[in-house]
């Protein structure tokens, strides 16, 4: 039950970051590297979307399916694996 509560907090936090993106963007500041992602407000939106979808995917048990392309991009010393072709048990 504790995992679901944390995942719901990720979902609520992601929505809150998107709603209050101006305050979060001001808190992050304006670094030079942020201009490549659209500035601090766009970075706040990206963080909020990632947190929302991570919480949702973790609750439904589809993190492997949803984040397989990202795992392939950041795999260290290995080849990129193909996304799973079967649905998790229970679907």
PDB file of N, CA and C in Angstrom:
ATOM      1  N   UNK A   1       0.821  -1.196   0.000  1.00  0.00           N
ATOM      2  CA  UNK A   1       0.000   0.000   0.000  1.00  0.00           C
ATOM      3  C   UNK A   1       0.861   1.253   0.000  1.00  0.00           C
ATOM      4  N   UNK A   2       2.041   1.168   0.568  1.00  0.00           N
ATOM      5  CA  UNK A   2       2.914   2.331   0.636  1.00  0.00           C
ATOM      6  C   UNK A   2       3.386   2.782  -0.732  1.00  0.00           C
ATOM      7  N   UNK A   3       3.581   1.826  -1.647  1.00  0.00           N
ATOM      8  CA  UNK A   3       4.020   2.171  -2.984  1.00  0.00           C
ATOM      9  C   UNK A   3       2.968   2.947  -3.752  1.00  0.00           C
ATOM     10  N   UNK A   4       1.711   2.611  -3.549  1.00  0.00           N
ATOM     11  CA  UNK A   4       0.634   3.316  -4.237  1.00  0.00           C
ATOM     12  C   UNK A   4       0.537   4.749  -3.736  1.00  0.00           C
ATOM     13  N   UNK A   5       0.749   4.947  -2.453  1.00  0.00           N
ATOM     14  CA  UNK A   5       0.694   6.296  -1.890  1.00  0.00           C
ATOM     15  C   UNK A   5       1.816   7.155  -2.458  1.00  0.00           C
ATOM     16  N   UNK A   6       2.996   6.596  -2.586  1.00  0.00           N
ATOM     17  CA  UNK A   6       4.121   7.330  -3.171  1.00  0.00           C
ATOM     18  C   UNK A   6       3.838   7.643  -4.636  1.00  0.00           C
ATOM     19  N   UNK A   7       3.265   6.703  -5.346  1.00  0.00           N
ATOM     20  CA  UNK A   7       2.939   6.935  -6.752  1.00  0.00           C
ATOM     21  C   UNK A   7       1.863   8.002  -6.907  1.00  0.00           C
ATOM     22  N   UNK A   8       0.877   8.006  -6.032  1.00  0.00           N
ATOM     23  CA  UNK A   8      -0.132   9.064  -6.063  1.00  0.00           C
ATOM     24  C   UNK A   8       0.491  10.423  -5.747  1.00  0.00           C
ATOM     25  N   UNK A   9       1.506  10.421  -4.878  1.00  0.00           N
ATOM     26  CA  UNK A   9       2.216  11.670  -4.586  1.00  0.00           C
ATOM     27  C   UNK A   9       2.988  12.146  -5.817  1.00  0.00           C
ATOM     28  N   UNK A  10       3.565  11.209  -6.594  1.00  0.00           N
ATOM     29  CA  UNK A  10       4.231  11.579  -7.841  1.00  0.00           C
ATOM     30  C   UNK A  10       3.231  12.208  -8.811  1.00  0.00           C
ATOM     31  N   UNK A  11       2.048  11.612  -8.930  1.00  0.00           N
ATOM     32  CA  UNK A  11       1.028  12.139  -9.836  1.00  0.00           C
ATOM     33  C   UNK A  11       0.582  13.530  -9.379  1.00  0.00           C
ATOM     34  N   UNK A  12       0.278  13.671  -8.099  1.00  0.00           N
ATOM     35  CA  UNK A  12      -0.158  14.969  -7.582  1.00  0.00           C
ATOM     36  C   UNK A  12       0.962  16.008  -7.669  1.00  0.00           C
ATOM     37  N   UNK A  13       2.185  15.582  -7.402  1.00  0.00           N
ATOM     38  CA  UNK A  13       3.319  16.505  -7.508  1.00  0.00           C
ATOM     39  C   UNK A  13       3.558  16.948  -8.935  1.00  0.00           C
ATOM     40  N   UNK A  14       3.406  16.038  -9.875  1.00  0.00           N
ATOM     41  CA  UNK A  14       3.563  16.399 -11.280  1.00  0.00           C
ATOM     42  C   UNK A  14       2.526  17.410 -11.724  1.00  0.00           C
ATOM     43  N   UNK A  15       1.274  17.205 -11.300  1.00  0.00           N
ATOM     44  CA  UNK A  15       0.214  18.157 -11.635  1.00  0.00           C
ATOM     45  C   UNK A  15       0.483  19.503 -10.966  1.00  0.00           C
ATOM     46  N   UNK A  16       0.943  19.488  -9.723  1.00  0.00           N
ATOM     47  CA  UNK A  16       1.238  20.730  -9.009  1.00  0.00           C
ATOM     48  C   UNK A  16       2.387  21.492  -9.665  1.00  0.00           C
ATOM     49  N   UNK A  17       3.411  20.779 -10.130  1.00  0.00           N
ATOM     50  CA  UNK A  17       4.529  21.438 -10.800  1.00  0.00           C
ATOM     51  C   UNK A  17       4.059  22.095 -12.088  1.00  0.00           C
ATOM     52  N   UNK A  18       3.158  21.434 -12.812  1.00  0.00           N
ATOM     53  CA  UNK A  18       2.638  22.020 -14.049  1.00  0.00           C
ATOM     54  C   UNK A  18       1.762  23.238 -13.736  1.00  0.00           C
ATOM     55  N   UNK A  19       0.922  23.151 -12.725  1.00  0.00           N
ATOM     56  CA  UNK A  19       0.047  24.270 -12.377  1.00  0.00           C
ATOM     57  C   UNK A  19       0.866  25.465 -11.875  1.00  0.00           C
ATOM     58  N   UNK A  20       1.846  25.209 -11.020  1.00  0.00           N
ATOM     59  CA  UNK A  20       2.648  26.284 -10.431  1.00  0.00           C
ATOM     60  C   UNK A  20       4.013  26.392 -11.108  1.00  0.00           C
ATOM     61  N   UNK A  21       4.042  26.250 -12.432  1.00  0.00           N
ATOM     62  CA  UNK A  21       5.301  26.247 -13.166  1.00  0.00           C
ATOM     63  C   UNK A  21       6.045  27.571 -13.065  1.00  0.00           C
ATOM     64  N   UNK A  22       5.332  28.679 -12.897  1.00  0.00           N
ATOM     65  CA  UNK A  22       6.016  29.958 -12.789  1.00  0.00           C
ATOM     66  C   UNK A  22       6.821  30.035 -11.495  1.00  0.00           C
ATOM     67  N   UNK A  23       6.220  29.607 -10.395  1.00  0.00           N
ATOM     68  CA  UNK A  23       6.932  29.610  -9.115  1.00  0.00           C
ATOM     69  C   UNK A  23       8.089  28.613  -9.126  1.00  0.00           C
ATOM     70  N   UNK A  24       7.850  27.438  -9.701  1.00  0.00           N
ATOM     71  CA  UNK A  24       8.907  26.422  -9.769  1.00  0.00           C
ATOM     72  C   UNK A  24      10.029  26.895 -10.678  1.00  0.00           C
ATOM     73  N   UNK A  25       9.690  27.516 -11.802  1.00  0.00           N
ATOM     74  CA  UNK A  25      10.697  28.044 -12.722  1.00  0.00           C
ATOM     75  C   UNK A  25      11.529  29.143 -12.083  1.00  0.00           C
ATOM     76  N   UNK A  26      10.874  30.008 -11.306  1.00  0.00           N
ATOM     77  CA  UNK A  26      11.629  31.048 -10.594  1.00  0.00           C
ATOM     78  C   UNK A  26      12.535  30.442  -9.541  1.00  0.00           C
ATOM     79  N   UNK A  27      12.099  29.343  -8.916  1.00  0.00           N
ATOM     80  CA  UNK A  27      12.917  28.682  -7.912  1.00  0.00           C
ATOM     81  C   UNK A  27      14.136  28.008  -8.554  1.00  0.00           C
ATOM     82  N   UNK A  28      13.949  27.460  -9.766  1.00  0.00           N
ATOM     83  CA  UNK A  28      15.055  26.806 -10.460  1.00  0.00           C
ATOM     84  C   UNK A  28      16.115  27.806 -10.922  1.00  0.00           C
ATOM     85  N   UNK A  29      15.708  29.011 -11.246  1.00  0.00           N
ATOM     86  CA  UNK A  29      16.653  30.000 -11.749  1.00  0.00           C
ATOM     87  C   UNK A  29      16.787  29.895 -13.263  1.00  0.00           C
ATOM     88  N   UNK A  30      17.710  30.661 -13.819  1.00  0.00           N
ATOM     89  CA  UNK A  30      17.874  30.704 -15.270  1.00  0.00           C
ATOM     90  C   UNK A  30      19.329  30.388 -15.624  1.00  0.00           C
ATOM     91  N   UNK A  31      19.632  29.122 -15.779  1.00  0.00           N
ATOM     92  CA  UNK A  31      20.977  28.697 -16.161  1.00  0.00           C
ATOM     93  C   UNK A  31      21.105  28.701 -17.684  1.00  0.00           C
ATOM     94  N   UNK A  32      22.324  28.760 -18.174  1.00  0.00           N
ATOM     95  CA  UNK A  32      22.560  28.809 -19.621  1.00  0.00           C
ATOM     96  C   UNK A  32      22.082  27.543 -20.327  1.00  0.00           C
ATOM     97  N   UNK A  33      22.223  26.385 -19.697  1.00  0.00           N
ATOM     98  CA  UNK A  33      21.835  25.141 -20.358  1.00  0.00           C
ATOM     99  C   UNK A  33      20.331  25.008 -20.493  1.00  0.00           C
ATOM    100  N   UNK A  34      19.568  25.770 -19.740  1.00  0.00           N
ATOM    101  CA  UNK A  34      18.113  25.661 -19.812  1.00  0.00           C
ATOM    102  C   UNK A  34      17.541  26.252 -21.090  1.00  0.00           C
ATOM    103  N   UNK A  35      18.313  27.093 -21.773  1.00  0.00           N
ATOM    104  CA  UNK A  35      17.789  27.676 -23.015  1.00  0.00           C
ATOM    105  C   UNK A  35      17.607  26.604 -24.088  1.00  0.00           C
ATOM    106  N   UNK A  36      18.290  25.470 -23.963  1.00  0.00           N
ATOM    107  CA  UNK A  36      18.163  24.386 -24.934  1.00  0.00           C
ATOM    108  C   UNK A  36      16.871  23.591 -24.761  1.00  0.00           C
ATOM    109  N   UNK A  37      16.265  23.669 -23.600  1.00  0.00           N
ATOM    110  CA  UNK A  37      14.984  22.992 -23.373  1.00  0.00           C
ATOM    111  C   UNK A  37      13.831  23.980 -23.305  1.00  0.00           C
ATOM    112  N   UNK A  38      14.092  25.256 -23.550  1.00  0.00           N
ATOM    113  CA  UNK A  38      13.032  26.249 -23.587  1.00  0.00           C
ATOM    114  C   UNK A  38      12.956  27.147 -22.375  1.00  0.00           C
ATOM    115  N   UNK A  39      13.894  27.065 -21.478  1.00  0.00           N
ATOM    116  CA  UNK A  39      13.888  27.919 -20.293  1.00  0.00           C
ATOM    117  C   UNK A  39      13.404  27.183 -19.063  1.00  0.00           C
ATOM    118  N   UNK A  40      13.419  27.875 -17.930  1.00  0.00           N
ATOM    119  CA  UNK A  40      13.056  27.214 -16.669  1.00  0.00           C
ATOM    120  C   UNK A  40      11.583  26.815 -16.595  1.00  0.00           C
ATOM    121  N   UNK A  41      10.699  27.549 -17.259  1.00  0.00           N
ATOM    122  CA  UNK A  41       9.280  27.215 -17.198  1.00  0.00           C
ATOM    123  C   UNK A  41       8.984  25.962 -18.021  1.00  0.00           C
ATOM    124  N   UNK A  42       9.638  25.826 -19.153  1.00  0.00           N
ATOM    125  CA  UNK A  42       9.469  24.605 -19.954  1.00  0.00           C
ATOM    126  C   UNK A  42      10.090  23.403 -19.242  1.00  0.00           C
ATOM    127  N   UNK A  43      11.213  23.614 -18.562  1.00  0.00           N
ATOM    128  CA  UNK A  43      11.828  22.529 -17.798  1.00  0.00           C
ATOM    129  C   UNK A  43      10.897  22.076 -16.677  1.00  0.00           C
ATOM    130  N   UNK A  44      10.207  23.019 -16.044  1.00  0.00           N
ATOM    131  CA  UNK A  44       9.258  22.655 -14.993  1.00  0.00           C
ATOM    132  C   UNK A  44       8.119  21.814 -15.572  1.00  0.00           C
ATOM    133  N   UNK A  45       7.654  22.157 -16.768  1.00  0.00           N
ATOM    134  CA  UNK A  45       6.598  21.371 -17.404  1.00  0.00           C
ATOM    135  C   UNK A  45       7.103  19.969 -17.726  1.00  0.00           C
ATOM    136  N   UNK A  46       8.331  19.854 -18.233  1.00  0.00           N
ATOM    137  CA  UNK A  46       8.907  18.547 -18.559  1.00  0.00           C
ATOM    138  C   UNK A  46       9.033  17.693 -17.296  1.00  0.00           C
ATOM    139  N   UNK A  47       9.488  18.291 -16.211  1.00  0.00           N
ATOM    140  CA  UNK A  47       9.618  17.563 -14.946  1.00  0.00           C
ATOM    141  C   UNK A  47       8.245  17.109 -14.451  1.00  0.00           C
ATOM    142  N   UNK A  48       7.245  17.975 -14.552  1.00  0.00           N
ATOM    143  CA  UNK A  48       5.895  17.630 -14.118  1.00  0.00           C
ATOM    144  C   UNK A  48       5.293  16.501 -14.931  1.00  0.00           C
ATOM    145  N   UNK A  49       5.484  16.537 -16.253  1.00  0.00           N
ATOM    146  CA  UNK A  49       4.962  15.476 -17.115  1.00  0.00           C
ATOM    147  C   UNK A  49       5.651  14.153 -16.804  1.00  0.00           C
ATOM    148  N   UNK A  50       6.983  14.183 -16.624  1.00  0.00           N
ATOM    149  CA  UNK A  50       7.722  12.961 -16.301  1.00  0.00           C
ATOM    150  C   UNK A  50       7.244  12.374 -14.972  1.00  0.00           C
ATOM    151  N   UNK A  51       7.081  13.215 -13.944  1.00  0.00           N
ATOM    152  CA  UNK A  51       6.641  12.723 -12.635  1.00  0.00           C
ATOM    153  C   UNK A  51       5.233  12.133 -12.721  1.00  0.00           C
ATOM    154  N   UNK A  52       4.342  12.794 -13.464  1.00  0.00           N
ATOM    155  CA  UNK A  52       2.972  12.298 -13.613  1.00  0.00           C
ATOM    156  C   UNK A  52       2.958  10.934 -14.280  1.00  0.00           C
ATOM    157  N   UNK A  53       3.645  10.804 -15.409  1.00  0.00           N
ATOM    158  CA  UNK A  53       3.611   9.538 -16.130  1.00  0.00           C
ATOM    159  C   UNK A  53       4.375   8.439 -15.402  1.00  0.00           C
ATOM    160  N   UNK A  54       5.430   8.786 -14.651  1.00  0.00           N
ATOM    161  CA  UNK A  54       6.118   7.757 -13.874  1.00  0.00           C
ATOM    162  C   UNK A  54       5.199   7.197 -12.788  1.00  0.00           C
ATOM    163  N   UNK A  55       4.504   8.078 -12.078  1.00  0.00           N
ATOM    164  CA  UNK A  55       3.576   7.609 -11.040  1.00  0.00           C
ATOM    165  C   UNK A  55       2.464   6.754 -11.618  1.00  0.00           C
ATOM    166  N   UNK A  56       1.919   7.176 -12.756  1.00  0.00           N
ATOM    167  CA  UNK A  56       0.854   6.420 -13.404  1.00  0.00           C
ATOM    168  C   UNK A  56       1.354   5.062 -13.899  1.00  0.00           C
ATOM    169  N   UNK A  57       2.537   5.040 -14.499  1.00  0.00           N
ATOM    170  CA  UNK A  57       3.094   3.786 -15.008  1.00  0.00           C
ATOM    171  C   UNK A  57       3.462   2.843 -13.868  1.00  0.00           C
ATOM    172  N   UNK A  58       3.925   3.381 -12.755  1.00  0.00           N
ATOM    173  CA  UNK A  58       4.298   2.521 -11.633  1.00  0.00           C
ATOM    174  C   UNK A  58       3.066   1.905 -10.980  1.00  0.00           C
ATOM    175  N   UNK A  59       1.988   2.654 -10.913  1.00  0.00           N
ATOM    176  CA  UNK A  59       0.748   2.109 -10.352  1.00  0.00           C
ATOM    177  C   UNK A  59       0.217   0.980 -11.232  1.00  0.00           C
ATOM    178  N   UNK A  60       0.239   1.175 -12.542  1.00  0.00           N
ATOM    179  CA  UNK A  60      -0.309   0.162 -13.448  1.00  0.00           C
ATOM    180  C   UNK A  60       0.681  -0.950 -13.755  1.00  0.00           C
ATOM    181  N   UNK A  61       1.942  -0.806 -13.346  1.00  0.00           N
ATOM    182  CA  UNK A  61       2.940  -1.838 -13.577  1.00  0.00           C
ATOM    183  C   UNK A  61       3.501  -1.848 -14.990  1.00  0.00           C
ATOM    184  N   UNK A  62       3.433  -0.724 -15.673  1.00  0.00           N
ATOM    185  CA  UNK A  62       3.911  -0.656 -17.058  1.00  0.00           C
ATOM    186  C   UNK A  62       5.153   0.211 -17.204  1.00  0.00           C
ATOM    187  N   UNK A  63       5.956   0.325 -16.170  1.00  0.00           N
ATOM    188  CA  UNK A  63       7.158   1.155 -16.279  1.00  0.00           C
ATOM    189  C   UNK A  63       8.139   0.575 -17.289  1.00  0.00           C
ATOM    190  N   UNK A  64       8.239  -0.749 -17.365  1.00  0.00           N
ATOM    191  CA  UNK A  64       9.134  -1.365 -18.340  1.00  0.00           C
ATOM    192  C   UNK A  64       8.720  -1.078 -19.763  1.00  0.00           C
ATOM    193  N   UNK A  65       7.426  -1.084 -20.005  1.00  0.00           N
ATOM    194  CA  UNK A  65       6.906  -0.817 -21.343  1.00  0.00           C
ATOM    195  C   UNK A  65       7.028   0.656 -21.706  1.00  0.00           C
ATOM    196  N   UNK A  66       6.700   1.543 -20.774  1.00  0.00           N
ATOM    197  CA  UNK A  66       6.697   2.970 -21.056  1.00  0.00           C
ATOM    198  C   UNK A  66       8.103   3.541 -21.181  1.00  0.00           C
ATOM    199  N   UNK A  67       9.011   3.094 -20.343  1.00  0.00           N
ATOM    200  CA  UNK A  67      10.341   3.693 -20.317  1.00  0.00           C
ATOM    201  C   UNK A  67      11.405   2.851 -21.017  1.00  0.00           C
ATOM    202  N   UNK A  68      11.012   1.868 -21.809  1.00  0.00           N
ATOM    203  CA  UNK A  68      11.983   1.061 -22.548  1.00  0.00           C
ATOM    204  C   UNK A  68      12.806   1.898 -23.519  1.00  0.00           C
ATOM    205  N   UNK A  69      12.228   2.841 -24.258  1.00  0.00           N
ATOM    206  CA  UNK A  69      13.064   3.661 -25.142  1.00  0.00           C
ATOM    207  C   UNK A  69      14.058   4.526 -24.378  1.00  0.00           C
ATOM    208  N   UNK A  70      13.663   5.036 -23.226  1.00  0.00           N
ATOM    209  CA  UNK A  70      14.562   5.866 -22.427  1.00  0.00           C
ATOM    210  C   UNK A  70      15.695   5.014 -21.858  1.00  0.00           C
ATOM    211  N   UNK A  71      15.369   3.800 -21.419  1.00  0.00           N
ATOM    212  CA  UNK A  71      16.390   2.894 -20.904  1.00  0.00           C
ATOM    213  C   UNK A  71      17.405   2.550 -21.981  1.00  0.00           C
ATOM    214  N   UNK A  72      16.941   2.408 -23.234  1.00  0.00           N
ATOM    215  CA  UNK A  72      17.841   2.115 -24.333  1.00  0.00           C
ATOM    216  C   UNK A  72      18.777   3.274 -24.629  1.00  0.00           C
ATOM    217  N   UNK A  73      18.319   4.503 -24.420  1.00  0.00           N
ATOM    218  CA  UNK A  73      19.167   5.665 -24.656  1.00  0.00           C
ATOM    219  C   UNK A  73      20.270   5.776 -23.614  1.00  0.00           C
ATOM    220  N   UNK A  74      19.950   5.438 -22.374  1.00  0.00           N
ATOM    221  CA  UNK A  74      20.893   5.632 -21.285  1.00  0.00           C
ATOM    222  C   UNK A  74      21.514   4.340 -20.774  1.00  0.00           C
ATOM    223  N   UNK A  75      21.474   3.280 -21.555  1.00  0.00           N
ATOM    224  CA  UNK A  75      22.068   2.026 -21.101  1.00  0.00           C
ATOM    225  C   UNK A  75      23.585   2.175 -21.092  1.00  0.00           C
ATOM    226  N   UNK A  76      24.190   1.713 -20.026  1.00  0.00           N
ATOM    227  CA  UNK A  76      25.637   1.852 -19.869  1.00  0.00           C
ATOM    228  C   UNK A  76      26.333   0.563 -20.281  1.00  0.00           C
ATOM    229  N   UNK A  77      27.065   0.609 -21.346  1.00  0.00           N
ATOM    230  CA  UNK A  77      27.868  -0.523 -21.767  1.00  0.00           C
ATOM    231  C   UNK A  77      27.101  -1.669 -22.370  1.00  0.00           C
ATOM    232  N   UNK A  78      25.835  -1.519 -22.617  1.00  0.00           N
ATOM    233  CA  UNK A  78      25.052  -2.596 -23.196  1.00  0.00           C
ATOM    234  C   UNK A  78      24.321  -2.116 -24.433  1.00  0.00           C
ATOM    235  N   UNK A  79      23.727  -3.039 -25.092  1.00  0.00           N
ATOM    236  CA  UNK A  79      22.962  -2.659 -26.273  1.00  0.00           C
ATOM    237  C   UNK A  79      21.540  -2.303 -25.859  1.00  0.00           C
ATOM    238  N   UNK A  80      20.898  -1.505 -26.673  1.00  0.00           N
ATOM    239  CA  UNK A  80      19.531  -1.108 -26.386  1.00  0.00           C
ATOM    240  C   UNK A  80      18.609  -2.308 -26.565  1.00  0.00           C
ATOM    241  N   UNK A  81      17.805  -2.556 -25.578  1.00  0.00           N
ATOM    242  CA  UNK A  81      16.904  -3.700 -25.652  1.00  0.00           C
ATOM    243  C   UNK A  81      15.584  -3.268 -26.279  1.00  0.00           C
ATOM    244  N   UNK A  82      14.938  -4.213 -26.907  1.00  0.00           N
ATOM    245  CA  UNK A  82      13.636  -3.941 -27.511  1.00  0.00           C
ATOM    246  C   UNK A  82      12.590  -3.853 -26.415  1.00  0.00           C
ATOM    247  N   UNK A  83      11.544  -3.058 -26.626  1.00  0.00           N
ATOM    248  CA  UNK A  83      10.493  -2.982 -25.607  1.00  0.00           C
ATOM    249  C   UNK A  83       9.770  -4.313 -25.479  1.00  0.00           C
ATOM    250  N   UNK A  84       9.195  -4.576 -24.329  1.00  0.00           N
ATOM    251  CA  UNK A  84       8.491  -5.837 -24.128  1.00  0.00           C
ATOM    252  C   UNK A  84       7.330  -5.969 -25.115  1.00  0.00           C
ATOM    253  N   UNK A  85       7.102  -7.172 -25.588  1.00  0.00           N
ATOM    254  CA  UNK A  85       6.025  -7.395 -26.551  1.00  0.00           C
ATOM    255  C   UNK A  85       4.783  -7.971 -25.893  1.00  0.00           C
ATOM    256  N   UNK A  86       4.875  -8.359 -24.638  1.00  0.00           N
ATOM    257  CA  UNK A  86       3.731  -8.912 -23.928  1.00  0.00           C
ATOM    258  C   UNK A  86       3.291  -7.965 -22.842  1.00  0.00           C
ATOM    259  N   UNK A  87       2.003  -7.956 -22.581  1.00  0.00           N
ATOM    260  CA  UNK A  87       1.480  -7.147 -21.505  1.00  0.00           C
ATOM    261  C   UNK A  87       1.797  -7.802 -20.161  1.00  0.00           C
ATOM    262  N   UNK A  88       1.909  -6.987 -19.094  1.00  0.00           N
ATOM    263  CA  UNK A  88       2.155  -7.558 -17.774  1.00  0.00           C
ATOM    264  C   UNK A  88       1.016  -8.483 -17.369  1.00  0.00           C
ATOM    265  N   UNK A  89       1.298  -9.347 -16.427  1.00  0.00           N
ATOM    266  CA  UNK A  89       0.311 -10.303 -15.954  1.00  0.00           C
ATOM    267  C   UNK A  89      -0.856  -9.551 -15.298  1.00  0.00           C
ATOM    268  N   UNK A  90      -2.057  -9.962 -15.591  1.00  0.00           N
ATOM    269  CA  UNK A  90      -3.223  -9.318 -15.015  1.00  0.00           C
ATOM    270  C   UNK A  90      -3.995  -8.471 -16.012  1.00  0.00           C
ATOM    271  N   UNK A  91      -3.522  -8.331 -17.228  1.00  0.00           N
ATOM    272  CA  UNK A  91      -4.242  -7.541 -18.224  1.00  0.00           C
ATOM    273  C   UNK A  91      -5.085  -8.428 -19.084  1.00  0.00           C
TER     274      UNK A  91
END
